[in-house]
Amino acid sequence: MNERFYLLKIQLLDVESAIWRRFVVPASITLDRLHDVIQIVMGWTGSHLHEFTIGKKRYTEYPESKEDGLECGKYRLGDLIKQKGRTFHYLYDFGDSWEHELVLEESRYFNPELRTELACIEGERACPPEDVGGVPGYFEFCKALKDPNHEEHENYMEWSGRDFDSERFDADAANWELMKYLRWSRDRYQNWERD
């Protein structure tokens, strides 16, 4: 692989016990694909809108006007972020408002054991469930899960699945999903439709 790689760290903001991931992407990744990777490494499901804020510009999937932002699929991360230590933001789910901060930790990341262009190196804690109600809802959710006497304990256990553990993160599982993503999003020799 002759491509330049970025080592990024993403952290969910405003949550008491830090939820973060460290992951590798090619510098040439487009912002729409970076969104896909973030969804995978964080554990989100991709069922809500998102936007990146880099400097004073906003990038989103389908902006209706320039005031709504720029189309993220037209921009490559390496063209927008170059300097080690540079931060930018990612907002997921405009209702729950999950704010993330990303830091470019290394702009020429090299690991001879890296065999793929996308990799989750490490992280801590599980991502909140979708539609839990943002930071306040997640705080209440965790409180209810820990207290069997809480009035919402059983409802939340059933809703989230009985195996939800806010302290657990599995980098191997994230990497498995990244491998599947690479497989299904690769370039093809022929277009789907005939010319």
C-alpha atoms as a PDB file:
ATOM      1  CA  MET A   1       0.000   0.000   0.000  1.00  0.00           C
ATOM      2  CA  ASN A   2       1.584   3.287  -1.142  1.00  0.00           C
ATOM      3  CA  GLU A   3      -1.224   5.418   0.235  1.00  0.00           C
ATOM      4  CA  ARG A   4      -0.728   7.891   3.075  1.00  0.00           C
ATOM      5  CA  PHE A   5      -2.687   6.970   6.216  1.00  0.00           C
ATOM      6  CA  TYR A   6      -4.162   9.032   9.020  1.00  0.00           C
ATOM      7  CA  LEU A   7      -4.421   7.906  12.620  1.00  0.00           C
ATOM      8  CA  LEU A   8      -7.535   9.511  14.070  1.00  0.00           C
ATOM      9  CA  LYS A   9      -9.008   9.545  17.530  1.00  0.00           C
ATOM     10  CA  ILE A  10     -12.715  10.176  17.931  1.00  0.00           C
ATOM     11  CA  GLN A  11     -14.416  10.884  21.234  1.00  0.00           C
ATOM     12  CA  LEU A  12     -18.081  11.316  22.044  1.00  0.00           C
ATOM     13  CA  LEU A  13     -18.442  14.658  23.831  1.00  0.00           C
ATOM     14  CA  ASP A  14     -20.339  15.453  27.029  1.00  0.00           C
ATOM     15  CA  VAL A  15     -20.460  11.843  28.277  1.00  0.00           C
ATOM     16  CA  GLU A  16     -18.959  11.335  31.758  1.00  0.00           C
ATOM     17  CA  SER A  17     -16.972   8.128  31.170  1.00  0.00           C
ATOM     18  CA  ALA A  18     -15.136   8.729  27.902  1.00  0.00           C
ATOM     19  CA  ILE A  19     -16.329   6.795  24.857  1.00  0.00           C
ATOM     20  CA  TRP A  20     -13.595   6.893  22.229  1.00  0.00           C
ATOM     21  CA  ARG A  21     -11.923   5.031  19.362  1.00  0.00           C
ATOM     22  CA  ARG A  22      -8.537   5.246  17.654  1.00  0.00           C
ATOM     23  CA  PHE A  23      -8.643   4.208  14.009  1.00  0.00           C
ATOM     24  CA  VAL A  24      -6.775   4.366  10.700  1.00  0.00           C
ATOM     25  CA  VAL A  25      -8.105   5.618   7.361  1.00  0.00           C
ATOM     26  CA  PRO A  26      -6.445   6.587   4.087  1.00  0.00           C
ATOM     27  CA  ALA A  27      -5.868  10.339   3.809  1.00  0.00           C
ATOM     28  CA  SER A  28      -7.753  10.187   0.494  1.00  0.00           C
ATOM     29  CA  ILE A  29     -11.010   9.006   2.116  1.00  0.00           C
ATOM     30  CA  THR A  30     -14.039  11.107   1.205  1.00  0.00           C
ATOM     31  CA  LEU A  31     -16.095  12.537   4.050  1.00  0.00           C
ATOM     32  CA  ASP A  32     -19.127  10.420   3.142  1.00  0.00           C
ATOM     33  CA  ARG A  33     -16.999   7.278   3.521  1.00  0.00           C
ATOM     34  CA  LEU A  34     -15.430   8.641   6.711  1.00  0.00           C
ATOM     35  CA  HIS A  35     -18.986   8.896   8.036  1.00  0.00           C
ATOM     36  CA  ASP A  36     -19.470   5.186   7.227  1.00  0.00           C
ATOM     37  CA  VAL A  37     -16.256   4.280   9.051  1.00  0.00           C
ATOM     38  CA  ILE A  38     -17.227   6.361  12.090  1.00  0.00           C
ATOM     39  CA  GLN A  39     -20.587   4.615  12.196  1.00  0.00           C
ATOM     40  CA  ILE A  40     -18.839   1.246  12.260  1.00  0.00           C
ATOM     41  CA  VAL A  41     -16.098   2.007  14.791  1.00  0.00           C
ATOM     42  CA  MET A  42     -18.423   3.861  17.152  1.00  0.00           C
ATOM     43  CA  GLY A  43     -21.229   1.335  16.859  1.00  0.00           C
ATOM     44  CA  TRP A  44     -23.938   3.601  15.462  1.00  0.00           C
ATOM     45  CA  THR A  45     -26.428   2.212  12.930  1.00  0.00           C
ATOM     46  CA  GLY A  46     -26.419   4.968  10.311  1.00  0.00           C
ATOM     47  CA  SER A  47     -30.126   5.649  10.713  1.00  0.00           C
ATOM     48  CA  HIS A  48     -29.859   9.420  11.272  1.00  0.00           C
ATOM     49  CA  LEU A  49     -28.459  12.502   9.566  1.00  0.00           C
ATOM     50  CA  HIS A  50     -24.930  13.700  10.188  1.00  0.00           C
ATOM     51  CA  GLU A  51     -22.579  16.575   9.487  1.00  0.00           C
ATOM     52  CA  PHE A  52     -18.887  17.357   9.765  1.00  0.00           C
ATOM     53  CA  THR A  53     -17.657  20.778  10.835  1.00  0.00           C
ATOM     54  CA  ILE A  54     -14.139  21.576   9.686  1.00  0.00           C
ATOM     55  CA  GLY A  55     -13.092  25.122  10.435  1.00  0.00           C
ATOM     56  CA  LYS A  56     -16.154  27.222   9.676  1.00  0.00           C
ATOM     57  CA  LYS A  57     -17.516  24.931   6.961  1.00  0.00           C
ATOM     58  CA  ARG A  58     -20.174  22.273   7.349  1.00  0.00           C
ATOM     59  CA  TYR A  59     -20.299  19.097   5.242  1.00  0.00           C
ATOM     60  CA  THR A  60     -23.353  16.878   5.042  1.00  0.00           C
ATOM     61  CA  GLU A  61     -24.837  14.177   2.852  1.00  0.00           C
ATOM     62  CA  TYR A  62     -27.564  15.945   0.872  1.00  0.00           C
ATOM     63  CA  PRO A  63     -27.465  19.701   1.453  1.00  0.00           C
ATOM     64  CA  GLU A  64     -30.412  21.497  -0.117  1.00  0.00           C
ATOM     65  CA  SER A  65     -28.524  24.794  -0.292  1.00  0.00           C
ATOM     66  CA  LYS A  66     -25.085  26.235   0.471  1.00  0.00           C
ATOM     67  CA  GLU A  67     -26.453  27.424   3.817  1.00  0.00           C
ATOM     68  CA  ASP A  68     -27.135  23.760   4.678  1.00  0.00           C
ATOM     69  CA  GLY A  69     -23.482  22.881   4.039  1.00  0.00           C
ATOM     70  CA  LEU A  70     -21.360  21.279   1.352  1.00  0.00           C
ATOM     71  CA  GLU A  71     -21.854  17.785  -0.035  1.00  0.00           C
ATOM     72  CA  CYS A  72     -19.489  15.548   1.938  1.00  0.00           C
ATOM     73  CA  GLY A  73     -18.974  13.015  -0.860  1.00  0.00           C
ATOM     74  CA  LYS A  74     -17.125  15.637  -2.919  1.00  0.00           C
ATOM     75  CA  TYR A  75     -14.368  16.284  -0.370  1.00  0.00           C
ATOM     76  CA  ARG A  76     -11.385  14.213   0.741  1.00  0.00           C
ATOM     77  CA  LEU A  77     -10.172  14.327   4.321  1.00  0.00           C
ATOM     78  CA  GLY A  78      -6.529  14.800   3.292  1.00  0.00           C
ATOM     79  CA  ASP A  79      -7.436  17.939   1.334  1.00  0.00           C
ATOM     80  CA  LEU A  80      -9.168  19.498   4.353  1.00  0.00           C
ATOM     81  CA  ILE A  81      -7.089  18.289   7.313  1.00  0.00           C
ATOM     82  CA  LYS A  82      -3.314  18.060   7.016  1.00  0.00           C
ATOM     83  CA  GLN A  83      -1.693  19.088  10.282  1.00  0.00           C
ATOM     84  CA  LYS A  84      -1.063  16.659  13.133  1.00  0.00           C
ATOM     85  CA  GLY A  85      -3.105  17.709  16.166  1.00  0.00           C
ATOM     86  CA  ARG A  86      -5.852  19.355  14.108  1.00  0.00           C
ATOM     87  CA  THR A  87      -9.373  18.797  15.438  1.00  0.00           C
ATOM     88  CA  PHE A  88     -12.740  18.789  13.727  1.00  0.00           C
ATOM     89  CA  HIS A  89     -16.267  17.792  14.679  1.00  0.00           C
ATOM     90  CA  TYR A  90     -18.838  15.222  13.645  1.00  0.00           C
ATOM     91  CA  LEU A  91     -22.493  15.502  14.645  1.00  0.00           C
ATOM     92  CA  TYR A  92     -24.691  12.425  14.413  1.00  0.00           C
ATOM     93  CA  ASP A  93     -28.475  12.392  14.874  1.00  0.00           C
ATOM     94  CA  PHE A  94     -29.751  15.960  14.855  1.00  0.00           C
ATOM     95  CA  GLY A  95     -32.415  14.998  17.429  1.00  0.00           C
ATOM     96  CA  ASP A  96     -30.185  13.314  20.025  1.00  0.00           C
ATOM     97  CA  SER A  97     -27.257  15.555  18.971  1.00  0.00           C
ATOM     98  CA  TRP A  98     -24.320  13.225  19.472  1.00  0.00           C
ATOM     99  CA  GLU A  99     -21.283  15.526  19.181  1.00  0.00           C
ATOM    100  CA  HIS A 100     -17.918  13.912  18.455  1.00  0.00           C
ATOM    101  CA  GLU A 101     -14.486  15.464  18.316  1.00  0.00           C
ATOM    102  CA  LEU A 102     -11.880  14.006  15.986  1.00  0.00           C
ATOM    103  CA  VAL A 103      -8.144  14.620  16.304  1.00  0.00           C
ATOM    104  CA  LEU A 104      -5.570  13.867  13.641  1.00  0.00           C
ATOM    105  CA  GLU A 105      -2.987  12.119  15.811  1.00  0.00           C
ATOM    106  CA  GLU A 106      -0.648  11.089  13.000  1.00  0.00           C
ATOM    107  CA  SER A 107      -0.663  12.306   9.389  1.00  0.00           C
ATOM    108  CA  ARG A 108       1.790   9.695   8.099  1.00  0.00           C
ATOM    109  CA  TYR A 109       0.801   6.668  10.113  1.00  0.00           C
ATOM    110  CA  PHE A 110       2.781   3.535   9.392  1.00  0.00           C
ATOM    111  CA  ASN A 111       2.387   0.099  10.885  1.00  0.00           C
ATOM    112  CA  PRO A 112       3.982  -2.803   8.985  1.00  0.00           C
ATOM    113  CA  GLU A 113       1.357  -5.146  10.430  1.00  0.00           C
ATOM    114  CA  LEU A 114      -1.502  -3.090   8.967  1.00  0.00           C
ATOM    115  CA  ARG A 115      -2.889  -5.237   6.158  1.00  0.00           C
ATOM    116  CA  THR A 116      -5.930  -3.180   5.264  1.00  0.00           C
ATOM    117  CA  GLU A 117      -6.734   0.450   4.592  1.00  0.00           C
ATOM    118  CA  LEU A 118      -9.238   0.710   7.447  1.00  0.00           C
ATOM    119  CA  ALA A 119      -8.551  -0.455  10.984  1.00  0.00           C
ATOM    120  CA  CYS A 120      -9.797   0.219  14.480  1.00  0.00           C
ATOM    121  CA  ILE A 121      -6.761   0.117  16.769  1.00  0.00           C
ATOM    122  CA  GLU A 122      -8.427   0.526  20.161  1.00  0.00           C
ATOM    123  CA  GLY A 123     -11.235   2.154  22.061  1.00  0.00           C
ATOM    124  CA  GLU A 124     -13.182   2.265  25.279  1.00  0.00           C
ATOM    125  CA  ARG A 125     -16.797   1.780  26.248  1.00  0.00           C
ATOM    126  CA  ALA A 126     -19.869   0.959  24.234  1.00  0.00           C
ATOM    127  CA  CYS A 127     -21.641   3.465  22.069  1.00  0.00           C
ATOM    128  CA  PRO A 128     -25.038   4.564  23.442  1.00  0.00           C
ATOM    129  CA  PRO A 129     -28.051   2.881  21.849  1.00  0.00           C
ATOM    130  CA  GLU A 130     -29.767   4.762  19.047  1.00  0.00           C
ATOM    131  CA  ASP A 131     -32.698   7.004  20.021  1.00  0.00           C
ATOM    132  CA  VAL A 132     -31.895   6.892  23.743  1.00  0.00           C
ATOM    133  CA  GLY A 133     -32.499  10.638  24.081  1.00  0.00           C
ATOM    134  CA  GLY A 134     -29.044  12.167  23.774  1.00  0.00           C
ATOM    135  CA  VAL A 135     -26.685  12.647  26.706  1.00  0.00           C
ATOM    136  CA  PRO A 136     -29.418  13.141  29.370  1.00  0.00           C
ATOM    137  CA  GLY A 137     -31.342  10.115  28.090  1.00  0.00           C
ATOM    138  CA  TYR A 138     -28.192   7.999  28.056  1.00  0.00           C
ATOM    139  CA  PHE A 139     -27.355   9.025  31.625  1.00  0.00           C
ATOM    140  CA  GLU A 140     -30.850   7.978  32.753  1.00  0.00           C
ATOM    141  CA  PHE A 141     -30.642   4.788  30.689  1.00  0.00           C
ATOM    142  CA  CYS A 142     -27.344   3.731  32.352  1.00  0.00           C
ATOM    143  CA  LYS A 143     -28.696   4.608  35.780  1.00  0.00           C
ATOM    144  CA  ALA A 144     -31.788   2.457  35.195  1.00  0.00           C
ATOM    145  CA  LEU A 145     -29.760  -0.508  33.882  1.00  0.00           C
ATOM    146  CA  LYS A 146     -27.562  -0.536  36.994  1.00  0.00           C
ATOM    147  CA  ASP A 147     -30.508  -0.393  39.407  1.00  0.00           C
ATOM    148  CA  PRO A 148     -32.858  -3.414  39.268  1.00  0.00           C
ATOM    149  CA  ASN A 149     -35.325  -1.421  41.405  1.00  0.00           C
ATOM    150  CA  HIS A 150     -35.493   1.490  38.939  1.00  0.00           C
ATOM    151  CA  GLU A 151     -38.980   1.789  37.435  1.00  0.00           C
ATOM    152  CA  GLU A 152     -37.572   1.634  33.869  1.00  0.00           C
ATOM    153  CA  HIS A 153     -35.015  -1.143  34.502  1.00  0.00           C
ATOM    154  CA  GLU A 154     -36.973  -3.961  32.834  1.00  0.00           C
ATOM    155  CA  ASN A 155     -38.161  -1.800  29.939  1.00  0.00           C
ATOM    156  CA  TYR A 156     -34.619  -0.639  29.174  1.00  0.00           C
ATOM    157  CA  MET A 157     -33.212  -4.150  29.526  1.00  0.00           C
ATOM    158  CA  GLU A 158     -35.750  -5.406  27.013  1.00  0.00           C
ATOM    159  CA  TRP A 159     -35.321  -2.431  24.669  1.00  0.00           C
ATOM    160  CA  SER A 160     -31.511  -2.522  24.560  1.00  0.00           C
ATOM    161  CA  GLY A 161     -31.034  -6.257  24.677  1.00  0.00           C
ATOM    162  CA  ARG A 162     -29.996  -7.959  27.842  1.00  0.00           C
ATOM    163  CA  ASP A 163     -26.358  -8.116  26.801  1.00  0.00           C
ATOM    164  CA  PHE A 164     -25.759  -4.334  26.643  1.00  0.00           C
ATOM    165  CA  ASP A 165     -22.703  -3.409  28.693  1.00  0.00           C
ATOM    166  CA  SER A 166     -21.725   0.274  28.694  1.00  0.00           C
ATOM    167  CA  GLU A 167     -18.134  -0.657  29.632  1.00  0.00           C
ATOM    168  CA  ARG A 168     -17.539  -3.076  26.739  1.00  0.00           C
ATOM    169  CA  PHE A 169     -15.915  -2.317  23.400  1.00  0.00           C
ATOM    170  CA  ASP A 170     -14.681  -5.003  21.002  1.00  0.00           C
ATOM    171  CA  ALA A 171     -12.127  -3.707  18.475  1.00  0.00           C
ATOM    172  CA  ASP A 172     -12.041  -7.115  16.737  1.00  0.00           C
ATOM    173  CA  ALA A 173     -15.789  -6.923  16.076  1.00  0.00           C
ATOM    174  CA  ALA A 174     -15.395  -3.380  14.718  1.00  0.00           C
ATOM    175  CA  ASN A 175     -12.578  -4.566  12.442  1.00  0.00           C
ATOM    176  CA  TRP A 176     -14.713  -7.428  11.173  1.00  0.00           C
ATOM    177  CA  GLU A 177     -17.414  -4.909  10.210  1.00  0.00           C
ATOM    178  CA  LEU A 178     -14.794  -2.682   8.555  1.00  0.00           C
ATOM    179  CA  MET A 179     -13.600  -5.652   6.481  1.00  0.00           C
ATOM    180  CA  LYS A 180     -17.164  -6.344   5.346  1.00  0.00           C
ATOM    181  CA  TYR A 181     -17.588  -2.654   4.510  1.00  0.00           C
ATOM    182  CA  LEU A 182     -14.409  -2.689   2.407  1.00  0.00           C
ATOM    183  CA  ARG A 183     -15.594  -5.782   0.598  1.00  0.00           C
ATOM    184  CA  TRP A 184     -18.997  -4.372  -0.292  1.00  0.00           C
ATOM    185  CA  SER A 185     -17.913  -0.805  -1.059  1.00  0.00           C
ATOM    186  CA  ARG A 186     -14.956  -1.623  -3.294  1.00  0.00           C
ATOM    187  CA  ASP A 187     -14.718  -0.244  -6.818  1.00  0.00           C
ATOM    188  CA  ARG A 188     -16.056  -2.479  -9.590  1.00  0.00           C
ATOM    189  CA  TYR A 189     -14.762  -3.052 -13.106  1.00  0.00           C
ATOM    190  CA  GLN A 190     -18.186  -2.552 -14.648  1.00  0.00           C
ATOM    191  CA  ASN A 191     -21.004  -0.208 -13.714  1.00  0.00           C
ATOM    192  CA  TRP A 192     -24.240  -1.768 -12.530  1.00  0.00           C
ATOM    193  CA  GLU A 193     -26.175  -0.396 -15.512  1.00  0.00           C
ATOM    194  CA  ARG A 194     -25.339  -0.873 -19.153  1.00  0.00           C
ATOM    195  CA  ASP A 195     -24.192   2.214 -21.090  1.00  0.00           C
END
